[in-house]
Amino acid sequence: MNPLTYILTTNGLLFLLSIIFWKFPPKKINAIYGYRTPKAMQNQQIWDFANNVFNKNLLIYSGISFLAGLVFANFATKELSWQPMVLVLLSILVSIIKTERALSDNFTDEGQRK
């Protein structure tokens, strides 16, 4: 597969999804769409906060991942295999970790704002 096509279908797709999540965040707590962890689904205030933080983080880190993937594609001497997928995984993990940290810093375990 062409390295540029691979980057567009992995990192580019994640970046596109992050733009969609950022532009159209979920309005109400649901089990289908949005940042869904037990803590994030405790009440509407936490839900809105968690989705706002996660969507911003995902947009930033998926953008970095997409740009890094394009750099890999331009300078690759051999075919890319696992590198773009590692960037996708790291983008998602960092976004989740930062969101959970923000939830812990701003809300108690009972769901009250600190």
N, C-alpha and C. Protein backbone atom coordinates (compact mmCIF):
# COMPACT_ATOMS: atom_id res chain seq x y z
N MET A 1 0.84 -1.17 0.00
CA MET A 1 0.00 0.00 0.00
C MET A 1 0.88 1.24 0.00
N ASN A 2 0.46 2.23 -0.69
CA ASN A 2 1.15 3.51 -0.74
C ASN A 2 1.18 4.12 0.68
N PRO A 3 2.36 4.59 1.15
CA PRO A 3 2.44 5.14 2.51
C PRO A 3 1.48 6.31 2.75
N LEU A 4 1.30 7.16 1.77
CA LEU A 4 0.41 8.29 1.95
C LEU A 4 -1.04 7.83 2.11
N THR A 5 -1.44 6.84 1.35
CA THR A 5 -2.79 6.28 1.49
C THR A 5 -2.98 5.66 2.86
N TYR A 6 -1.96 4.98 3.34
CA TYR A 6 -2.01 4.36 4.67
C TYR A 6 -2.19 5.42 5.76
N ILE A 7 -1.44 6.50 5.67
CA ILE A 7 -1.53 7.59 6.64
C ILE A 7 -2.92 8.23 6.59
N LEU A 8 -3.43 8.45 5.40
CA LEU A 8 -4.75 9.08 5.27
C LEU A 8 -5.86 8.19 5.82
N THR A 9 -5.72 6.88 5.69
CA THR A 9 -6.77 5.98 6.16
C THR A 9 -6.66 5.64 7.65
N THR A 10 -5.54 5.93 8.28
CA THR A 10 -5.42 5.68 9.71
C THR A 10 -5.42 7.00 10.48
N ASN A 11 -4.36 7.74 10.39
CA ASN A 11 -4.21 8.98 11.12
C ASN A 11 -5.17 10.06 10.60
N GLY A 12 -5.38 10.08 9.29
CA GLY A 12 -6.31 11.05 8.72
C GLY A 12 -7.74 10.80 9.16
N LEU A 13 -8.13 9.54 9.24
CA LEU A 13 -9.46 9.20 9.69
C LEU A 13 -9.67 9.58 11.16
N LEU A 14 -8.67 9.34 11.99
CA LEU A 14 -8.77 9.73 13.40
C LEU A 14 -8.90 11.25 13.51
N PHE A 15 -8.14 11.99 12.72
CA PHE A 15 -8.22 13.44 12.76
C PHE A 15 -9.60 13.92 12.30
N LEU A 16 -10.14 13.30 11.27
CA LEU A 16 -11.48 13.65 10.79
C LEU A 16 -12.53 13.36 11.86
N LEU A 17 -12.44 12.22 12.52
CA LEU A 17 -13.36 11.90 13.60
C LEU A 17 -13.24 12.88 14.77
N SER A 18 -12.02 13.32 15.06
CA SER A 18 -11.85 14.27 16.15
C SER A 18 -12.49 15.62 15.81
N ILE A 19 -12.44 16.01 14.54
CA ILE A 19 -13.11 17.25 14.12
C ILE A 19 -14.63 17.10 14.27
N ILE A 20 -15.16 15.94 13.87
CA ILE A 20 -16.59 15.70 14.00
C ILE A 20 -17.01 15.73 15.47
N PHE A 21 -16.25 15.06 16.35
CA PHE A 21 -16.57 15.07 17.77
C PHE A 21 -16.49 16.48 18.35
N TRP A 22 -15.53 17.27 17.89
CA TRP A 22 -15.36 18.63 18.39
C TRP A 22 -16.50 19.53 17.93
N LYS A 23 -16.90 19.41 16.67
CA LYS A 23 -17.97 20.25 16.13
C LYS A 23 -19.36 19.82 16.61
N PHE A 24 -19.55 18.53 16.82
CA PHE A 24 -20.86 17.99 17.20
C PHE A 24 -20.75 17.14 18.47
N PRO A 25 -20.48 17.78 19.62
CA PRO A 25 -20.37 17.00 20.86
C PRO A 25 -21.74 16.47 21.28
N PRO A 26 -21.76 15.38 22.05
CA PRO A 26 -23.04 14.85 22.51
C PRO A 26 -23.68 15.81 23.50
N LYS A 27 -24.98 15.97 23.40
CA LYS A 27 -25.69 16.91 24.28
C LYS A 27 -26.10 16.27 25.60
N LYS A 28 -26.57 15.03 25.53
CA LYS A 28 -27.06 14.35 26.73
C LYS A 28 -26.27 13.06 26.95
N ILE A 29 -26.27 12.59 28.18
CA ILE A 29 -25.60 11.34 28.52
C ILE A 29 -26.26 10.21 27.74
N ASN A 30 -25.45 9.44 27.04
CA ASN A 30 -25.97 8.31 26.27
C ASN A 30 -24.92 7.21 26.24
N ALA A 31 -25.31 6.06 25.74
CA ALA A 31 -24.41 4.91 25.70
C ALA A 31 -23.85 4.66 24.31
N ILE A 32 -24.04 5.61 23.38
CA ILE A 32 -23.61 5.40 22.01
C ILE A 32 -22.51 6.35 21.58
N TYR A 33 -22.64 7.62 21.89
CA TYR A 33 -21.78 8.66 21.32
C TYR A 33 -21.21 9.53 22.41
N GLY A 34 -19.89 9.70 22.42
CA GLY A 34 -19.26 10.59 23.39
C GLY A 34 -18.20 9.86 24.21
N TYR A 35 -17.61 10.60 25.13
CA TYR A 35 -16.60 10.05 26.04
C TYR A 35 -17.35 9.36 27.17
N ARG A 36 -17.37 8.03 27.15
CA ARG A 36 -18.21 7.25 28.06
C ARG A 36 -17.37 6.43 29.02
N THR A 37 -17.14 6.97 30.19
CA THR A 37 -16.56 6.21 31.28
C THR A 37 -17.53 6.33 32.46
N PRO A 38 -17.44 5.44 33.44
CA PRO A 38 -18.37 5.54 34.58
C PRO A 38 -18.33 6.92 35.25
N LYS A 39 -17.15 7.48 35.42
CA LYS A 39 -17.06 8.79 36.07
C LYS A 39 -17.66 9.88 35.19
N ALA A 40 -17.44 9.79 33.88
CA ALA A 40 -17.95 10.82 32.97
C ALA A 40 -19.47 10.78 32.85
N MET A 41 -20.07 9.65 33.18
CA MET A 41 -21.51 9.50 33.03
C MET A 41 -22.27 9.68 34.35
N GLN A 42 -21.61 10.21 35.39
CA GLN A 42 -22.27 10.37 36.68
C GLN A 42 -23.39 11.41 36.64
N ASN A 43 -23.13 12.55 36.02
CA ASN A 43 -24.17 13.57 35.89
C ASN A 43 -23.89 14.42 34.66
N GLN A 44 -24.81 15.30 34.32
CA GLN A 44 -24.71 16.08 33.08
C GLN A 44 -23.53 17.05 33.12
N GLN A 45 -23.25 17.63 34.26
CA GLN A 45 -22.13 18.58 34.38
C GLN A 45 -20.80 17.89 34.09
N ILE A 46 -20.59 16.72 34.65
CA ILE A 46 -19.35 15.97 34.40
C ILE A 46 -19.32 15.51 32.95
N TRP A 47 -20.44 15.07 32.41
CA TRP A 47 -20.53 14.63 31.02
C TRP A 47 -20.08 15.74 30.07
N ASP A 48 -20.61 16.94 30.26
CA ASP A 48 -20.26 18.06 29.39
C ASP A 48 -18.78 18.40 29.52
N PHE A 49 -18.28 18.44 30.75
CA PHE A 49 -16.87 18.75 30.99
C PHE A 49 -15.96 17.70 30.35
N ALA A 50 -16.26 16.42 30.59
CA ALA A 50 -15.42 15.34 30.09
C ALA A 50 -15.39 15.33 28.56
N ASN A 51 -16.53 15.50 27.93
CA ASN A 51 -16.56 15.50 26.48
C ASN A 51 -15.85 16.72 25.89
N ASN A 52 -15.96 17.86 26.56
CA ASN A 52 -15.26 19.05 26.09
C ASN A 52 -13.74 18.86 26.16
N VAL A 53 -13.26 18.37 27.29
CA VAL A 53 -11.82 18.16 27.48
C VAL A 53 -11.31 17.07 26.52
N PHE A 54 -12.02 15.96 26.44
CA PHE A 54 -11.58 14.87 25.57
C PHE A 54 -11.56 15.30 24.10
N ASN A 55 -12.58 15.99 23.66
CA ASN A 55 -12.64 16.40 22.26
C ASN A 55 -11.51 17.36 21.90
N LYS A 56 -11.19 18.28 22.80
CA LYS A 56 -10.06 19.20 22.54
C LYS A 56 -8.73 18.44 22.51
N ASN A 57 -8.53 17.55 23.47
CA ASN A 57 -7.29 16.76 23.51
C ASN A 57 -7.17 15.87 22.28
N LEU A 58 -8.25 15.21 21.91
CA LEU A 58 -8.20 14.34 20.74
C LEU A 58 -7.91 15.13 19.47
N LEU A 59 -8.48 16.30 19.35
CA LEU A 59 -8.22 17.14 18.17
C LEU A 59 -6.74 17.52 18.10
N ILE A 60 -6.17 17.92 19.22
CA ILE A 60 -4.76 18.32 19.25
C ILE A 60 -3.84 17.14 18.94
N TYR A 61 -4.03 16.03 19.66
CA TYR A 61 -3.11 14.91 19.53
C TYR A 61 -3.31 14.12 18.24
N SER A 62 -4.52 14.08 17.73
CA SER A 62 -4.71 13.42 16.43
C SER A 62 -4.14 14.28 15.31
N GLY A 63 -4.18 15.60 15.47
CA GLY A 63 -3.53 16.48 14.49
C GLY A 63 -2.02 16.29 14.48
N ILE A 64 -1.44 16.19 15.67
CA ILE A 64 0.01 15.93 15.76
C ILE A 64 0.33 14.57 15.15
N SER A 65 -0.50 13.57 15.44
CA SER A 65 -0.31 12.23 14.90
C SER A 65 -0.39 12.24 13.38
N PHE A 66 -1.34 12.97 12.85
CA PHE A 66 -1.52 13.05 11.40
C PHE A 66 -0.30 13.71 10.75
N LEU A 67 0.16 14.81 11.32
CA LEU A 67 1.35 15.48 10.77
C LEU A 67 2.59 14.60 10.88
N ALA A 68 2.75 13.92 12.01
CA ALA A 68 3.90 13.01 12.18
C ALA A 68 3.83 11.87 11.18
N GLY A 69 2.64 11.36 10.94
CA GLY A 69 2.46 10.30 9.95
C GLY A 69 2.82 10.76 8.54
N LEU A 70 2.45 11.99 8.22
CA LEU A 70 2.81 12.53 6.91
C LEU A 70 4.32 12.68 6.77
N VAL A 71 4.98 13.07 7.86
CA VAL A 71 6.45 13.15 7.85
C VAL A 71 7.04 11.77 7.64
N PHE A 72 6.52 10.78 8.36
CA PHE A 72 6.97 9.40 8.16
C PHE A 72 6.80 8.96 6.71
N ALA A 73 5.66 9.29 6.13
CA ALA A 73 5.38 8.87 4.75
C ALA A 73 6.33 9.51 3.76
N ASN A 74 6.70 10.76 4.01
CA ASN A 74 7.59 11.46 3.09
C ASN A 74 9.03 10.97 3.18
N PHE A 75 9.46 10.57 4.37
CA PHE A 75 10.85 10.18 4.56
C PHE A 75 11.04 8.67 4.69
N ALA A 76 9.99 7.89 4.45
CA ALA A 76 10.09 6.44 4.60
C ALA A 76 10.95 5.85 3.48
N THR A 77 11.94 5.06 3.89
CA THR A 77 12.78 4.39 2.90
C THR A 77 12.21 3.04 2.52
N LYS A 78 11.37 2.50 3.40
CA LYS A 78 10.69 1.25 3.10
C LYS A 78 9.21 1.42 3.47
N GLU A 79 8.44 0.42 3.21
CA GLU A 79 7.01 0.53 3.45
C GLU A 79 6.69 0.66 4.93
N LEU A 80 5.74 1.53 5.26
CA LEU A 80 5.30 1.69 6.64
C LEU A 80 4.41 0.52 7.03
N SER A 81 4.56 0.06 8.25
CA SER A 81 3.70 -1.04 8.68
C SER A 81 2.96 -0.69 9.97
N TRP A 82 3.65 -0.62 11.09
CA TRP A 82 3.01 -0.43 12.37
C TRP A 82 3.13 1.00 12.91
N GLN A 83 4.01 1.79 12.37
CA GLN A 83 4.29 3.12 12.92
C GLN A 83 3.06 4.04 12.97
N PRO A 84 2.28 4.16 11.88
CA PRO A 84 1.10 5.03 11.96
C PRO A 84 0.07 4.57 12.98
N MET A 85 -0.07 3.26 13.13
CA MET A 85 -1.03 2.75 14.11
C MET A 85 -0.58 3.03 15.54
N VAL A 86 0.71 3.05 15.79
CA VAL A 86 1.22 3.41 17.11
C VAL A 86 0.90 4.86 17.40
N LEU A 87 1.03 5.72 16.40
CA LEU A 87 0.68 7.13 16.58
C LEU A 87 -0.81 7.30 16.90
N VAL A 88 -1.66 6.52 16.23
CA VAL A 88 -3.10 6.57 16.51
C VAL A 88 -3.36 6.12 17.95
N LEU A 89 -2.77 5.01 18.35
CA LEU A 89 -2.95 4.50 19.70
C LEU A 89 -2.47 5.49 20.75
N LEU A 90 -1.31 6.09 20.53
CA LEU A 90 -0.79 7.07 21.48
C LEU A 90 -1.69 8.29 21.58
N SER A 91 -2.23 8.73 20.46
CA SER A 91 -3.14 9.88 20.47
C SER A 91 -4.36 9.61 21.33
N ILE A 92 -4.94 8.43 21.17
CA ILE A 92 -6.12 8.08 21.94
C ILE A 92 -5.78 7.91 23.42
N LEU A 93 -4.68 7.22 23.71
CA LEU A 93 -4.30 6.99 25.12
C LEU A 93 -3.99 8.30 25.85
N VAL A 94 -3.25 9.18 25.20
CA VAL A 94 -2.91 10.46 25.84
C VAL A 94 -4.18 11.27 26.08
N SER A 95 -5.10 11.25 25.13
CA SER A 95 -6.36 11.99 25.30
C SER A 95 -7.16 11.44 26.47
N ILE A 96 -7.23 10.13 26.60
CA ILE A 96 -7.96 9.51 27.70
C ILE A 96 -7.30 9.83 29.04
N ILE A 97 -5.99 9.70 29.11
CA ILE A 97 -5.27 9.96 30.36
C ILE A 97 -5.44 11.41 30.79
N LYS A 98 -5.30 12.34 29.85
CA LYS A 98 -5.45 13.76 30.19
C LYS A 98 -6.88 14.07 30.63
N THR A 99 -7.86 13.45 30.01
CA THR A 99 -9.25 13.68 30.39
C THR A 99 -9.54 13.14 31.78
N GLU A 100 -9.07 11.94 32.06
CA GLU A 100 -9.29 11.36 33.39
C GLU A 100 -8.58 12.18 34.47
N ARG A 101 -7.41 12.68 34.16
CA ARG A 101 -6.70 13.53 35.12
C ARG A 101 -7.48 14.82 35.37
N ALA A 102 -8.02 15.41 34.30
CA ALA A 102 -8.82 16.64 34.45
C ALA A 102 -10.08 16.37 35.26
N LEU A 103 -10.70 15.22 35.05
CA LEU A 103 -11.88 14.86 35.84
C LEU A 103 -11.52 14.71 37.32
N SER A 104 -10.42 14.05 37.60
CA SER A 104 -9.99 13.87 38.99
C SER A 104 -9.63 15.19 39.65
N ASP A 105 -9.05 16.11 38.87
CA ASP A 105 -8.66 17.41 39.42
C ASP A 105 -9.86 18.32 39.67
N ASN A 106 -10.96 18.14 38.93
CA ASN A 106 -12.08 19.07 39.00
C ASN A 106 -13.33 18.53 39.69
N PHE A 107 -13.41 17.21 39.88
CA PHE A 107 -14.61 16.62 40.47
C PHE A 107 -14.24 15.59 41.53
N THR A 108 -15.10 15.47 42.52
CA THR A 108 -14.92 14.44 43.55
C THR A 108 -15.43 13.11 43.02
N ASP A 109 -15.20 12.05 43.77
CA ASP A 109 -15.67 10.72 43.38
C ASP A 109 -17.19 10.63 43.40
N GLU A 110 -17.82 11.51 44.18
CA GLU A 110 -19.28 11.52 44.26
C GLU A 110 -19.92 12.34 43.15
N GLY A 111 -19.12 13.02 42.34
CA GLY A 111 -19.65 13.79 41.23
C GLY A 111 -19.84 15.26 41.49
N GLN A 112 -19.30 15.76 42.61
CA GLN A 112 -19.42 17.18 42.93
C GLN A 112 -18.17 17.93 42.46
N ARG A 113 -18.36 19.15 42.01
CA ARG A 113 -17.22 19.97 41.57
C ARG A 113 -16.40 20.37 42.79
N LYS A 114 -15.08 20.28 42.64
CA LYS A 114 -14.17 20.62 43.74
C LYS A 114 -14.08 22.14 43.89
